[in-house]
Amino acid sequence: MPPFSTTNTQEADDPTEIIIRLRNCEKQIDQSTREFRRDVNRLITGLLTLGIISASFLHFGMPADREMAKANQEINVAWKR
């Protein structure tokens, strides 16, 4: 046991136990970092996809089904007059 104990138990002061716990903490941090990077990559991919789709709508106009719905609405309004 070291001259200045940091805990109440001898097992917790064991250098091997401390190294094992530190390695476990390091593994958890590495795993959290990988998960965070993966989530950030997914977010960036999603935002890029949304931007590309939005740009294509701006470039090519409204899709045909929306144009047809708009035309039907105009016809219905005209018939009600």
PDB file of N, CA and C in Angstrom:
ATOM      1  N   MET A   1       0.851  -1.171   0.000  1.00  0.00           N
ATOM      2  CA  MET A   1       0.000   0.000   0.000  1.00  0.00           C
ATOM      3  C   MET A   1       0.901   1.241   0.000  1.00  0.00           C
ATOM      4  N   PRO A   2       0.579   2.222  -0.863  1.00  0.00           N
ATOM      5  CA  PRO A   2       1.415   3.425  -0.910  1.00  0.00           C
ATOM      6  C   PRO A   2       1.328   4.197   0.411  1.00  0.00           C
ATOM      7  N   PRO A   3       2.322   5.035   0.682  1.00  0.00           N
ATOM      8  CA  PRO A   3       2.314   5.769   1.946  1.00  0.00           C
ATOM      9  C   PRO A   3       1.112   6.702   2.080  1.00  0.00           C
ATOM     10  N   PHE A   4       0.639   7.266   0.961  1.00  0.00           N
ATOM     11  CA  PHE A   4      -0.514   8.157   1.011  1.00  0.00           C
ATOM     12  C   PHE A   4      -1.649   7.515   0.227  1.00  0.00           C
ATOM     13  N   SER A   5      -2.549   6.881   0.915  1.00  0.00           N
ATOM     14  CA  SER A   5      -3.655   6.187   0.268  1.00  0.00           C
ATOM     15  C   SER A   5      -4.675   7.196  -0.249  1.00  0.00           C
ATOM     16  N   THR A   6      -5.170   6.944  -1.444  1.00  0.00           N
ATOM     17  CA  THR A   6      -6.167   7.840  -2.034  1.00  0.00           C
ATOM     18  C   THR A   6      -7.583   7.354  -1.791  1.00  0.00           C
ATOM     19  N   THR A   7      -7.736   6.104  -1.378  1.00  0.00           N
ATOM     20  CA  THR A   7      -9.068   5.551  -1.122  1.00  0.00           C
ATOM     21  C   THR A   7      -9.050   4.741   0.161  1.00  0.00           C
ATOM     22  N   ASN A   8     -10.203   4.180   0.495  1.00  0.00           N
ATOM     23  CA  ASN A   8     -10.325   3.405   1.730  1.00  0.00           C
ATOM     24  C   ASN A   8      -9.918   1.944   1.557  1.00  0.00           C
ATOM     25  N   THR A   9      -9.865   1.450   0.326  1.00  0.00           N
ATOM     26  CA  THR A   9      -9.589   0.025   0.117  1.00  0.00           C
ATOM     27  C   THR A   9      -8.248  -0.169  -0.562  1.00  0.00           C
ATOM     28  N   GLN A  10      -7.622  -1.262  -0.249  1.00  0.00           N
ATOM     29  CA  GLN A  10      -6.317  -1.561  -0.837  1.00  0.00           C
ATOM     30  C   GLN A  10      -6.456  -1.915  -2.315  1.00  0.00           C
ATOM     31  N   GLU A  11      -7.578  -2.577  -2.696  1.00  0.00           N
ATOM     32  CA  GLU A  11      -7.765  -2.962  -4.099  1.00  0.00           C
ATOM     33  C   GLU A  11      -7.825  -1.734  -5.000  1.00  0.00           C
ATOM     34  N   ALA A  12      -8.479  -0.684  -4.518  1.00  0.00           N
ATOM     35  CA  ALA A  12      -8.610   0.524  -5.327  1.00  0.00           C
ATOM     36  C   ALA A  12      -7.275   1.233  -5.493  1.00  0.00           C
ATOM     37  N   ASP A  13      -6.354   1.048  -4.563  1.00  0.00           N
ATOM     38  CA  ASP A  13      -5.034   1.676  -4.670  1.00  0.00           C
ATOM     39  C   ASP A  13      -4.055   0.839  -5.479  1.00  0.00           C
ATOM     40  N   ASP A  14      -4.465  -0.335  -5.884  1.00  0.00           N
ATOM     41  CA  ASP A  14      -3.599  -1.225  -6.653  1.00  0.00           C
ATOM     42  C   ASP A  14      -3.322  -0.596  -8.022  1.00  0.00           C
ATOM     43  N   PRO A  15      -2.063  -0.405  -8.406  1.00  0.00           N
ATOM     44  CA  PRO A  15      -1.739   0.215  -9.701  1.00  0.00           C
ATOM     45  C   PRO A  15      -2.356  -0.529 -10.884  1.00  0.00           C
ATOM     46  N   THR A  16      -2.411  -1.847 -10.799  1.00  0.00           N
ATOM     47  CA  THR A  16      -3.003  -2.611 -11.897  1.00  0.00           C
ATOM     48  C   THR A  16      -4.480  -2.275 -12.051  1.00  0.00           C
ATOM     49  N   GLU A  17      -5.173  -2.171 -10.941  1.00  0.00           N
ATOM     50  CA  GLU A  17      -6.606  -1.831 -10.975  1.00  0.00           C
ATOM     51  C   GLU A  17      -6.810  -0.429 -11.543  1.00  0.00           C
ATOM     52  N   ILE A  18      -5.957   0.483 -11.154  1.00  0.00           N
ATOM     53  CA  ILE A  18      -6.053   1.860 -11.657  1.00  0.00           C
ATOM     54  C   ILE A  18      -5.821   1.887 -13.163  1.00  0.00           C
ATOM     55  N   ILE A  19      -4.831   1.159 -13.640  1.00  0.00           N
ATOM     56  CA  ILE A  19      -4.538   1.115 -15.080  1.00  0.00           C
ATOM     57  C   ILE A  19      -5.708   0.503 -15.838  1.00  0.00           C
ATOM     58  N   ILE A  20      -6.286  -0.560 -15.300  1.00  0.00           N
ATOM     59  CA  ILE A  20      -7.434  -1.196 -15.961  1.00  0.00           C
ATOM     60  C   ILE A  20      -8.598  -0.215 -16.057  1.00  0.00           C
ATOM     61  N   ARG A  21      -8.868   0.489 -14.978  1.00  0.00           N
ATOM     62  CA  ARG A  21      -9.971   1.463 -14.998  1.00  0.00           C
ATOM     63  C   ARG A  21      -9.694   2.604 -15.979  1.00  0.00           C
ATOM     64  N   LEU A  22      -8.464   3.075 -16.011  1.00  0.00           N
ATOM     65  CA  LEU A  22      -8.115   4.139 -16.958  1.00  0.00           C
ATOM     66  C   LEU A  22      -8.268   3.672 -18.401  1.00  0.00           C
ATOM     67  N   ARG A  23      -7.864   2.445 -18.681  1.00  0.00           N
ATOM     68  CA  ARG A  23      -8.019   1.910 -20.038  1.00  0.00           C
ATOM     69  C   ARG A  23      -9.489   1.766 -20.402  1.00  0.00           C
ATOM     70  N   ASN A  24     -10.302   1.336 -19.444  1.00  0.00           N
ATOM     71  CA  ASN A  24     -11.736   1.232 -19.705  1.00  0.00           C
ATOM     72  C   ASN A  24     -12.337   2.602 -19.995  1.00  0.00           C
ATOM     73  N   CYS A  25     -11.920   3.604 -19.237  1.00  0.00           N
ATOM     74  CA  CYS A  25     -12.388   4.970 -19.487  1.00  0.00           C
ATOM     75  C   CYS A  25     -11.953   5.444 -20.867  1.00  0.00           C
ATOM     76  N   GLU A  26     -10.722   5.135 -21.232  1.00  0.00           N
ATOM     77  CA  GLU A  26     -10.206   5.522 -22.547  1.00  0.00           C
ATOM     78  C   GLU A  26     -11.011   4.862 -23.661  1.00  0.00           C
ATOM     79  N   LYS A  27     -11.354   3.590 -23.489  1.00  0.00           N
ATOM     80  CA  LYS A  27     -12.158   2.881 -24.487  1.00  0.00           C
ATOM     81  C   LYS A  27     -13.543   3.503 -24.612  1.00  0.00           C
ATOM     82  N   GLN A  28     -14.136   3.872 -23.479  1.00  0.00           N
ATOM     83  CA  GLN A  28     -15.453   4.500 -23.513  1.00  0.00           C
ATOM     84  C   GLN A  28     -15.394   5.847 -24.221  1.00  0.00           C
ATOM     85  N   ILE A  29     -14.347   6.604 -23.969  1.00  0.00           N
ATOM     86  CA  ILE A  29     -14.190   7.902 -24.632  1.00  0.00           C
ATOM     87  C   ILE A  29     -14.008   7.707 -26.132  1.00  0.00           C
ATOM     88  N   ASP A  30     -13.189   6.733 -26.524  1.00  0.00           N
ATOM     89  CA  ASP A  30     -12.986   6.454 -27.946  1.00  0.00           C
ATOM     90  C   ASP A  30     -14.294   6.053 -28.614  1.00  0.00           C
ATOM     91  N   GLN A  31     -15.079   5.216 -27.945  1.00  0.00           N
ATOM     92  CA  GLN A  31     -16.351   4.780 -28.514  1.00  0.00           C
ATOM     93  C   GLN A  31     -17.314   5.960 -28.639  1.00  0.00           C
ATOM     94  N   SER A  32     -17.366   6.813 -27.624  1.00  0.00           N
ATOM     95  CA  SER A  32     -18.232   7.992 -27.680  1.00  0.00           C
ATOM     96  C   SER A  32     -17.805   8.923 -28.805  1.00  0.00           C
ATOM     97  N   THR A  33     -16.507   9.071 -28.991  1.00  0.00           N
ATOM     98  CA  THR A  33     -15.998   9.925 -30.063  1.00  0.00           C
ATOM     99  C   THR A  33     -16.389   9.371 -31.427  1.00  0.00           C
ATOM    100  N   ARG A  34     -16.258   8.057 -31.601  1.00  0.00           N
ATOM    101  CA  ARG A  34     -16.651   7.437 -32.873  1.00  0.00           C
ATOM    102  C   ARG A  34     -18.143   7.621 -33.133  1.00  0.00           C
ATOM    103  N   GLU A  35     -18.959   7.422 -32.102  1.00  0.00           N
ATOM    104  CA  GLU A  35     -20.401   7.592 -32.262  1.00  0.00           C
ATOM    105  C   GLU A  35     -20.735   9.040 -32.598  1.00  0.00           C
ATOM    106  N   PHE A  36     -20.070   9.980 -31.946  1.00  0.00           N
ATOM    107  CA  PHE A  36     -20.314  11.395 -32.219  1.00  0.00           C
ATOM    108  C   PHE A  36     -19.946  11.735 -33.660  1.00  0.00           C
ATOM    109  N   ARG A  37     -18.787  11.252 -34.110  1.00  0.00           N
ATOM    110  CA  ARG A  37     -18.369  11.513 -35.492  1.00  0.00           C
ATOM    111  C   ARG A  37     -19.352  10.903 -36.483  1.00  0.00           C
ATOM    112  N   ARG A  38     -19.823   9.690 -36.187  1.00  0.00           N
ATOM    113  CA  ARG A  38     -20.785   9.038 -37.071  1.00  0.00           C
ATOM    114  C   ARG A  38     -22.087   9.850 -37.127  1.00  0.00           C
ATOM    115  N   ASP A  39     -22.546  10.339 -35.968  1.00  0.00           N
ATOM    116  CA  ASP A  39     -23.762  11.149 -35.937  1.00  0.00           C
ATOM    117  C   ASP A  39     -23.578  12.461 -36.692  1.00  0.00           C
ATOM    118  N   VAL A  40     -22.418  13.087 -36.540  1.00  0.00           N
ATOM    119  CA  VAL A  40     -22.150  14.336 -37.262  1.00  0.00           C
ATOM    120  C   VAL A  40     -22.118  14.072 -38.764  1.00  0.00           C
ATOM    121  N   ASN A  41     -21.497  12.968 -39.177  1.00  0.00           N
ATOM    122  CA  ASN A  41     -21.463  12.627 -40.601  1.00  0.00           C
ATOM    123  C   ASN A  41     -22.868  12.396 -41.140  1.00  0.00           C
ATOM    124  N   ARG A  42     -23.713  11.730 -40.360  1.00  0.00           N
ATOM    125  CA  ARG A  42     -25.104  11.520 -40.791  1.00  0.00           C
ATOM    126  C   ARG A  42     -25.840  12.843 -40.922  1.00  0.00           C
ATOM    127  N   LEU A  43     -25.623  13.740 -39.973  1.00  0.00           N
ATOM    128  CA  LEU A  43     -26.268  15.048 -40.023  1.00  0.00           C
ATOM    129  C   LEU A  43     -25.825  15.823 -41.255  1.00  0.00           C
ATOM    130  N   ILE A  44     -24.533  15.840 -41.522  1.00  0.00           N
ATOM    131  CA  ILE A  44     -24.012  16.553 -42.690  1.00  0.00           C
ATOM    132  C   ILE A  44     -24.567  15.946 -43.970  1.00  0.00           C
ATOM    133  N   THR A  45     -24.614  14.619 -44.044  1.00  0.00           N
ATOM    134  CA  THR A  45     -25.159  13.956 -45.227  1.00  0.00           C
ATOM    135  C   THR A  45     -26.622  14.321 -45.420  1.00  0.00           C
ATOM    136  N   GLY A  46     -27.386  14.325 -44.339  1.00  0.00           N
ATOM    137  CA  GLY A  46     -28.798  14.693 -44.425  1.00  0.00           C
ATOM    138  C   GLY A  46     -28.994  16.126 -44.875  1.00  0.00           C
ATOM    139  N   LEU A  47     -28.194  17.034 -44.330  1.00  0.00           N
ATOM    140  CA  LEU A  47     -28.317  18.438 -44.723  1.00  0.00           C
ATOM    141  C   LEU A  47     -27.921  18.647 -46.182  1.00  0.00           C
ATOM    142  N   LEU A  48     -26.873  17.964 -46.622  1.00  0.00           N
ATOM    143  CA  LEU A  48     -26.480  18.070 -48.032  1.00  0.00           C
ATOM    144  C   LEU A  48     -27.573  17.524 -48.946  1.00  0.00           C
ATOM    145  N   THR A  49     -28.164  16.398 -48.557  1.00  0.00           N
ATOM    146  CA  THR A  49     -29.244  15.820 -49.354  1.00  0.00           C
ATOM    147  C   THR A  49     -30.420  16.781 -49.437  1.00  0.00           C
ATOM    148  N   LEU A  50     -30.793  17.360 -48.303  1.00  0.00           N
ATOM    149  CA  LEU A  50     -31.890  18.324 -48.286  1.00  0.00           C
ATOM    150  C   LEU A  50     -31.564  19.531 -49.165  1.00  0.00           C
ATOM    151  N   GLY A  51     -30.335  20.005 -49.090  1.00  0.00           N
ATOM    152  CA  GLY A  51     -29.933  21.138 -49.923  1.00  0.00           C
ATOM    153  C   GLY A  51     -29.968  20.811 -51.403  1.00  0.00           C
ATOM    154  N   ILE A  52     -29.526  19.612 -51.768  1.00  0.00           N
ATOM    155  CA  ILE A  52     -29.541  19.208 -53.178  1.00  0.00           C
ATOM    156  C   ILE A  52     -30.970  19.092 -53.682  1.00  0.00           C
ATOM    157  N   ILE A  53     -31.843  18.500 -52.877  1.00  0.00           N
ATOM    158  CA  ILE A  53     -33.246  18.365 -53.287  1.00  0.00           C
ATOM    159  C   ILE A  53     -33.890  19.740 -53.425  1.00  0.00           C
ATOM    160  N   SER A  54     -33.623  20.631 -52.476  1.00  0.00           N
ATOM    161  CA  SER A  54     -34.182  21.983 -52.551  1.00  0.00           C
ATOM    162  C   SER A  54     -33.675  22.713 -53.789  1.00  0.00           C
ATOM    163  N   ALA A  55     -32.390  22.572 -54.066  1.00  0.00           N
ATOM    164  CA  ALA A  55     -31.825  23.229 -55.246  1.00  0.00           C
ATOM    165  C   ALA A  55     -32.435  22.674 -56.525  1.00  0.00           C
ATOM    166  N   SER A  56     -32.698  21.368 -56.556  1.00  0.00           N
ATOM    167  CA  SER A  56     -33.294  20.793 -57.764  1.00  0.00           C
ATOM    168  C   SER A  56     -34.720  21.292 -57.952  1.00  0.00           C
ATOM    169  N   PHE A  57     -35.472  21.472 -56.852  1.00  0.00           N
ATOM    170  CA  PHE A  57     -36.824  22.024 -56.984  1.00  0.00           C
ATOM    171  C   PHE A  57     -36.766  23.452 -57.496  1.00  0.00           C
ATOM    172  N   LEU A  58     -35.804  24.217 -57.013  1.00  0.00           N
ATOM    173  CA  LEU A  58     -35.679  25.592 -57.488  1.00  0.00           C
ATOM    174  C   LEU A  58     -35.290  25.630 -58.961  1.00  0.00           C
ATOM    175  N   HIS A  59     -34.437  24.698 -59.365  1.00  0.00           N
ATOM    176  CA  HIS A  59     -33.954  24.698 -60.743  1.00  0.00           C
ATOM    177  C   HIS A  59     -34.996  24.158 -61.723  1.00  0.00           C
ATOM    178  N   PHE A  60     -35.660  23.074 -61.355  1.00  0.00           N
ATOM    179  CA  PHE A  60     -36.582  22.424 -62.288  1.00  0.00           C
ATOM    180  C   PHE A  60     -38.038  22.800 -62.060  1.00  0.00           C
ATOM    181  N   GLY A  61     -38.349  23.550 -61.038  1.00  0.00           N
ATOM    182  CA  GLY A  61     -39.721  23.948 -60.775  1.00  0.00           C
ATOM    183  C   GLY A  61     -40.461  22.916 -59.949  1.00  0.00           C
ATOM    184  N   MET A  62     -41.767  23.137 -59.821  1.00  0.00           N
ATOM    185  CA  MET A  62     -42.585  22.227 -59.019  1.00  0.00           C
ATOM    186  C   MET A  62     -42.761  20.899 -59.735  1.00  0.00           C
ATOM    187  N   PRO A  63     -42.874  19.818 -59.008  1.00  0.00           N
ATOM    188  CA  PRO A  63     -43.145  18.525 -59.634  1.00  0.00           C
ATOM    189  C   PRO A  63     -44.514  18.511 -60.307  1.00  0.00           C
ATOM    190  N   ALA A  64     -44.703  17.589 -61.217  1.00  0.00           N
ATOM    191  CA  ALA A  64     -45.933  17.539 -62.013  1.00  0.00           C
ATOM    192  C   ALA A  64     -47.169  17.336 -61.147  1.00  0.00           C
ATOM    193  N   ASP A  65     -47.102  16.527 -60.115  1.00  0.00           N
ATOM    194  CA  ASP A  65     -48.295  16.284 -59.303  1.00  0.00           C
ATOM    195  C   ASP A  65     -48.754  17.544 -58.580  1.00  0.00           C
ATOM    196  N   ARG A  66     -47.832  18.386 -58.188  1.00  0.00           N
ATOM    197  CA  ARG A  66     -48.236  19.640 -57.550  1.00  0.00           C
ATOM    198  C   ARG A  66     -48.846  20.592 -58.582  1.00  0.00           C
ATOM    199  N   GLU A  67     -48.308  20.587 -59.770  1.00  0.00           N
ATOM    200  CA  GLU A  67     -48.879  21.435 -60.816  1.00  0.00           C
ATOM    201  C   GLU A  67     -50.294  20.983 -61.153  1.00  0.00           C
ATOM    202  N   MET A  68     -50.498  19.660 -61.183  1.00  0.00           N
ATOM    203  CA  MET A  68     -51.836  19.136 -61.457  1.00  0.00           C
ATOM    204  C   MET A  68     -52.794  19.496 -60.324  1.00  0.00           C
ATOM    205  N   ALA A  69     -52.353  19.411 -59.091  1.00  0.00           N
ATOM    206  CA  ALA A  69     -53.193  19.772 -57.954  1.00  0.00           C
ATOM    207  C   ALA A  69     -53.551  21.253 -58.008  1.00  0.00           C
ATOM    208  N   LYS A  70     -52.598  22.076 -58.399  1.00  0.00           N
ATOM    209  CA  LYS A  70     -52.856  23.509 -58.516  1.00  0.00           C
ATOM    210  C   LYS A  70     -53.859  23.785 -59.640  1.00  0.00           C
ATOM    211  N   ALA A  71     -53.716  23.079 -60.752  1.00  0.00           N
ATOM    212  CA  ALA A  71     -54.655  23.243 -61.864  1.00  0.00           C
ATOM    213  C   ALA A  71     -56.052  22.798 -61.448  1.00  0.00           C
ATOM    214  N   ASN A  72     -56.164  21.678 -60.731  1.00  0.00           N
ATOM    215  CA  ASN A  72     -57.470  21.211 -60.252  1.00  0.00           C
ATOM    216  C   ASN A  72     -58.106  22.224 -59.315  1.00  0.00           C
ATOM    217  N   GLN A  73     -57.311  22.822 -58.463  1.00  0.00           N
ATOM    218  CA  GLN A  73     -57.835  23.819 -57.537  1.00  0.00           C
ATOM    219  C   GLN A  73     -58.361  25.022 -58.313  1.00  0.00           C
ATOM    220  N   GLU A  74     -57.641  25.448 -59.329  1.00  0.00           N
ATOM    221  CA  GLU A  74     -58.087  26.585 -60.140  1.00  0.00           C
ATOM    222  C   GLU A  74     -59.374  26.251 -60.878  1.00  0.00           C
ATOM    223  N   ILE A  75     -59.489  25.023 -61.372  1.00  0.00           N
ATOM    224  CA  ILE A  75     -60.713  24.602 -62.069  1.00  0.00           C
ATOM    225  C   ILE A  75     -61.888  24.597 -61.099  1.00  0.00           C
ATOM    226  N   ASN A  76     -61.685  24.061 -59.897  1.00  0.00           N
ATOM    227  CA  ASN A  76     -62.762  24.023 -58.899  1.00  0.00           C
ATOM    228  C   ASN A  76     -63.215  25.419 -58.516  1.00  0.00           C
ATOM    229  N   VAL A  77     -62.284  26.348 -58.369  1.00  0.00           N
ATOM    230  CA  VAL A  77     -62.638  27.726 -58.032  1.00  0.00           C
ATOM    231  C   VAL A  77     -63.422  28.352 -59.180  1.00  0.00           C
ATOM    232  N   ALA A  78     -63.001  28.080 -60.409  1.00  0.00           N
ATOM    233  CA  ALA A  78     -63.698  28.636 -61.572  1.00  0.00           C
ATOM    234  C   ALA A  78     -65.121  28.092 -61.664  1.00  0.00           C
ATOM    235  N   TRP A  79     -65.343  26.820 -61.357  1.00  0.00           N
ATOM    236  CA  TRP A  79     -66.681  26.227 -61.428  1.00  0.00           C
ATOM    237  C   TRP A  79     -67.595  26.780 -60.343  1.00  0.00           C
ATOM    238  N   LYS A  80     -67.034  27.163 -59.212  1.00  0.00           N
ATOM    239  CA  LYS A  80     -67.859  27.683 -58.119  1.00  0.00           C
ATOM    240  C   LYS A  80     -68.326  29.105 -58.377  1.00  0.00           C
ATOM    241  N   ARG A  81     -67.687  29.800 -59.276  1.00  0.00           N
ATOM    242  CA  ARG A  81     -68.079  31.193 -59.569  1.00  0.00           C
ATOM    243  C   ARG A  81     -69.309  31.198 -60.350  1.00  0.00           C
TER     244      ARG A  81
END
